[in-house]
Amino acid sequence: TGHSPQVKAFVTQDIPFYHNLEMKHLPGADPELVLLSLRYEELQRIPLSDMTREEINQLVQELGFYRKETPDAPVPEEFQFAPAKSLPILLPPQAPTADGKTPPKHDKEEHPDL
């Protein structure tokens, strides 16, 4: 089975725009999108051979892959590990809160002993 022109167009023209999306070419194999976790555990395989280029682009974006403006464009901080759904929920220890400070806790004031 040869690769469809649609899939080939996606691979050659669209993949460079996606962060964390890599093409591994297996000769003779049907093209599949393999989702890996951060630890490179396989999560899901999606066969692409029957899909149009447009459908593959839609799928990849629905999965949370970040599409850059140009292949060399910088990736925003929050998309560095996108797609987040394939990642474990452990944040790196240096992840700051929204304002960089932890809110002070007022436990005692909220539960006064009556």
C-alpha atoms as a PDB file:
ATOM      1  CA  THR A   1       0.000   0.000   0.000  1.00  0.00           C
ATOM      2  CA  GLY A   2       1.461   3.336  -1.018  1.00  0.00           C
ATOM      3  CA  HIS A   3       1.019   6.463   1.027  1.00  0.00           C
ATOM      4  CA  SER A   4      -1.887   8.566  -0.110  1.00  0.00           C
ATOM      5  CA  PRO A   5      -0.932  11.951  -1.584  1.00  0.00           C
ATOM      6  CA  GLN A   6      -2.983  13.544   1.202  1.00  0.00           C
ATOM      7  CA  VAL A   7      -0.935  11.947   3.949  1.00  0.00           C
ATOM      8  CA  LYS A   8       2.263  12.683   2.076  1.00  0.00           C
ATOM      9  CA  ALA A   9       1.304  16.365   1.795  1.00  0.00           C
ATOM     10  CA  PHE A  10       0.615  16.490   5.525  1.00  0.00           C
ATOM     11  CA  VAL A  11       3.936  14.841   6.333  1.00  0.00           C
ATOM     12  CA  THR A  12       6.046  17.048   4.092  1.00  0.00           C
ATOM     13  CA  GLN A  13       4.214  20.359   4.457  1.00  0.00           C
ATOM     14  CA  ASP A  14       2.380  20.348   7.779  1.00  0.00           C
ATOM     15  CA  ILE A  15       4.466  18.368  10.236  1.00  0.00           C
ATOM     16  CA  PRO A  16       7.251  21.012  10.367  1.00  0.00           C
ATOM     17  CA  PHE A  17       4.696  23.429  11.847  1.00  0.00           C
ATOM     18  CA  TYR A  18       3.761  21.179  14.746  1.00  0.00           C
ATOM     19  CA  HIS A  19       5.659  21.187  17.994  1.00  0.00           C
ATOM     20  CA  ASN A  20       6.494  17.715  19.386  1.00  0.00           C
ATOM     21  CA  LEU A  21       5.214  15.975  16.271  1.00  0.00           C
ATOM     22  CA  GLU A  22       7.817  13.856  14.523  1.00  0.00           C
ATOM     23  CA  MET A  23       7.664  11.639  11.504  1.00  0.00           C
ATOM     24  CA  LYS A  24       9.346   8.264  11.657  1.00  0.00           C
ATOM     25  CA  HIS A  25       9.232   6.693   8.240  1.00  0.00           C
ATOM     26  CA  LEU A  26       8.688   2.950   8.204  1.00  0.00           C
ATOM     27  CA  PRO A  27       8.981   1.670   4.649  1.00  0.00           C
ATOM     28  CA  GLY A  28       5.926  -0.292   3.582  1.00  0.00           C
ATOM     29  CA  ALA A  29       3.989   0.530   6.743  1.00  0.00           C
ATOM     30  CA  ASP A  30       0.702   2.373   6.675  1.00  0.00           C
ATOM     31  CA  PRO A  31       1.098   5.818   8.199  1.00  0.00           C
ATOM     32  CA  GLU A  32      -0.099   5.947  11.782  1.00  0.00           C
ATOM     33  CA  LEU A  33      -0.115   8.655  14.379  1.00  0.00           C
ATOM     34  CA  VAL A  34       1.322   7.157  17.558  1.00  0.00           C
ATOM     35  CA  LEU A  35       0.721   9.146  20.728  1.00  0.00           C
ATOM     36  CA  LEU A  36       3.379   8.801  23.399  1.00  0.00           C
ATOM     37  CA  SER A  37       3.478   9.970  26.971  1.00  0.00           C
ATOM     38  CA  LEU A  38       6.441  11.917  28.325  1.00  0.00           C
ATOM     39  CA  ARG A  39       7.952   8.597  29.329  1.00  0.00           C
ATOM     40  CA  TYR A  40       7.563   7.385  25.734  1.00  0.00           C
ATOM     41  CA  GLU A  41       4.830   4.941  26.628  1.00  0.00           C
ATOM     42  CA  GLU A  42       2.514   4.318  23.733  1.00  0.00           C
ATOM     43  CA  LEU A  43      -0.953   5.685  24.449  1.00  0.00           C
ATOM     44  CA  GLN A  44      -2.802   5.405  21.195  1.00  0.00           C
ATOM     45  CA  ARG A  45      -2.345   4.617  17.504  1.00  0.00           C
ATOM     46  CA  ILE A  46      -4.440   6.328  14.869  1.00  0.00           C
ATOM     47  CA  PRO A  47      -4.213   5.076  11.283  1.00  0.00           C
ATOM     48  CA  LEU A  48      -3.945   7.971   8.844  1.00  0.00           C
ATOM     49  CA  SER A  49      -4.070   6.211   5.490  1.00  0.00           C
ATOM     50  CA  ASP A  50      -7.784   6.889   4.827  1.00  0.00           C
ATOM     51  CA  MET A  51      -7.759  10.469   6.052  1.00  0.00           C
ATOM     52  CA  THR A  52      -7.444  13.649   4.026  1.00  0.00           C
ATOM     53  CA  ARG A  53      -4.749  16.192   4.795  1.00  0.00           C
ATOM     54  CA  GLU A  54      -7.407  18.481   6.250  1.00  0.00           C
ATOM     55  CA  GLU A  55      -8.741  15.747   8.541  1.00  0.00           C
ATOM     56  CA  ILE A  56      -5.256  14.924   9.794  1.00  0.00           C
ATOM     57  CA  ASN A  57      -4.580  18.589  10.580  1.00  0.00           C
ATOM     58  CA  GLN A  58      -7.862  18.796  12.452  1.00  0.00           C
ATOM     59  CA  LEU A  59      -7.123  15.597  14.347  1.00  0.00           C
ATOM     60  CA  VAL A  60      -3.648  16.695  15.361  1.00  0.00           C
ATOM     61  CA  GLN A  61      -4.952  20.033  16.638  1.00  0.00           C
ATOM     62  CA  GLU A  62      -7.808  18.363  18.506  1.00  0.00           C
ATOM     63  CA  LEU A  63      -5.215  16.165  20.177  1.00  0.00           C
ATOM     64  CA  GLY A  64      -3.587  19.341  21.427  1.00  0.00           C
ATOM     65  CA  PHE A  65      -0.514  19.639  19.247  1.00  0.00           C
ATOM     66  CA  TYR A  66       0.570  23.232  18.906  1.00  0.00           C
ATOM     67  CA  ARG A  67       0.777  24.574  15.354  1.00  0.00           C
ATOM     68  CA  LYS A  68       3.405  27.280  14.939  1.00  0.00           C
ATOM     69  CA  GLU A  69       3.089  30.272  12.628  1.00  0.00           C
ATOM     70  CA  THR A  70       6.228  29.192  10.800  1.00  0.00           C
ATOM     71  CA  PRO A  71       8.369  26.085  11.271  1.00  0.00           C
ATOM     72  CA  ASP A  72      11.019  28.176  13.058  1.00  0.00           C
ATOM     73  CA  ALA A  73       8.652  30.199  15.218  1.00  0.00           C
ATOM     74  CA  PRO A  74       9.229  29.981  18.980  1.00  0.00           C
ATOM     75  CA  VAL A  75       6.804  27.852  20.974  1.00  0.00           C
ATOM     76  CA  PRO A  76       5.023  29.608  23.863  1.00  0.00           C
ATOM     77  CA  GLU A  77       5.976  28.363  27.310  1.00  0.00           C
ATOM     78  CA  GLU A  78       2.604  26.754  27.973  1.00  0.00           C
ATOM     79  CA  PHE A  79       2.866  24.658  24.807  1.00  0.00           C
ATOM     80  CA  GLN A  80       6.394  23.359  25.385  1.00  0.00           C
ATOM     81  CA  PHE A  81       5.045  19.995  26.474  1.00  0.00           C
ATOM     82  CA  ALA A  82       1.898  20.024  24.352  1.00  0.00           C
ATOM     83  CA  PRO A  83      -0.166  17.984  23.797  1.00  0.00           C
ATOM     84  CA  ALA A  84      -0.747  18.080  27.522  1.00  0.00           C
ATOM     85  CA  LYS A  85      -3.284  15.259  27.553  1.00  0.00           C
ATOM     86  CA  SER A  86      -0.548  12.767  26.790  1.00  0.00           C
ATOM     87  CA  LEU A  87       1.547  13.949  29.716  1.00  0.00           C
ATOM     88  CA  PRO A  88       1.522  12.894  33.329  1.00  0.00           C
ATOM     89  CA  ILE A  89       0.077  15.564  35.586  1.00  0.00           C
ATOM     90  CA  LEU A  90       3.345  16.161  37.422  1.00  0.00           C
ATOM     91  CA  LEU A  91       4.386  19.750  36.986  1.00  0.00           C
ATOM     92  CA  PRO A  92       8.068  20.583  37.110  1.00  0.00           C
ATOM     93  CA  PRO A  93       9.012  21.859  40.580  1.00  0.00           C
ATOM     94  CA  GLN A  94      10.006  25.252  39.200  1.00  0.00           C
ATOM     95  CA  ALA A  95       6.534  25.959  37.796  1.00  0.00           C
ATOM     96  CA  PRO A  96       5.512  29.288  39.340  1.00  0.00           C
ATOM     97  CA  THR A  97       1.944  30.145  40.279  1.00  0.00           C
ATOM     98  CA  ALA A  98       0.132  32.780  38.240  1.00  0.00           C
ATOM     99  CA  ASP A  99       1.600  35.710  40.186  1.00  0.00           C
ATOM    100  CA  GLY A 100       4.778  33.955  41.263  1.00  0.00           C
ATOM    101  CA  LYS A 101       3.744  33.937  44.934  1.00  0.00           C
ATOM    102  CA  THR A 102       1.779  31.454  46.943  1.00  0.00           C
ATOM    103  CA  PRO A 103      -1.236  33.047  48.616  1.00  0.00           C
ATOM    104  CA  PRO A 104      -0.914  33.334  52.401  1.00  0.00           C
ATOM    105  CA  LYS A 105      -3.083  30.865  54.269  1.00  0.00           C
ATOM    106  CA  HIS A 106      -5.576  32.102  56.837  1.00  0.00           C
ATOM    107  CA  ASP A 107      -6.885  28.796  58.098  1.00  0.00           C
ATOM    108  CA  LYS A 108      -7.403  29.927  61.670  1.00  0.00           C
ATOM    109  CA  GLU A 109      -9.390  33.002  60.706  1.00  0.00           C
ATOM    110  CA  GLU A 110     -11.756  31.080  58.465  1.00  0.00           C
ATOM    111  CA  HIS A 111     -12.727  28.598  61.183  1.00  0.00           C
ATOM    112  CA  PRO A 112     -13.033  30.551  64.418  1.00  0.00           C
ATOM    113  CA  ASP A 113     -13.860  28.439  67.446  1.00  0.00           C
ATOM    114  CA  LEU A 114     -17.263  29.587  68.587  1.00  0.00           C
END
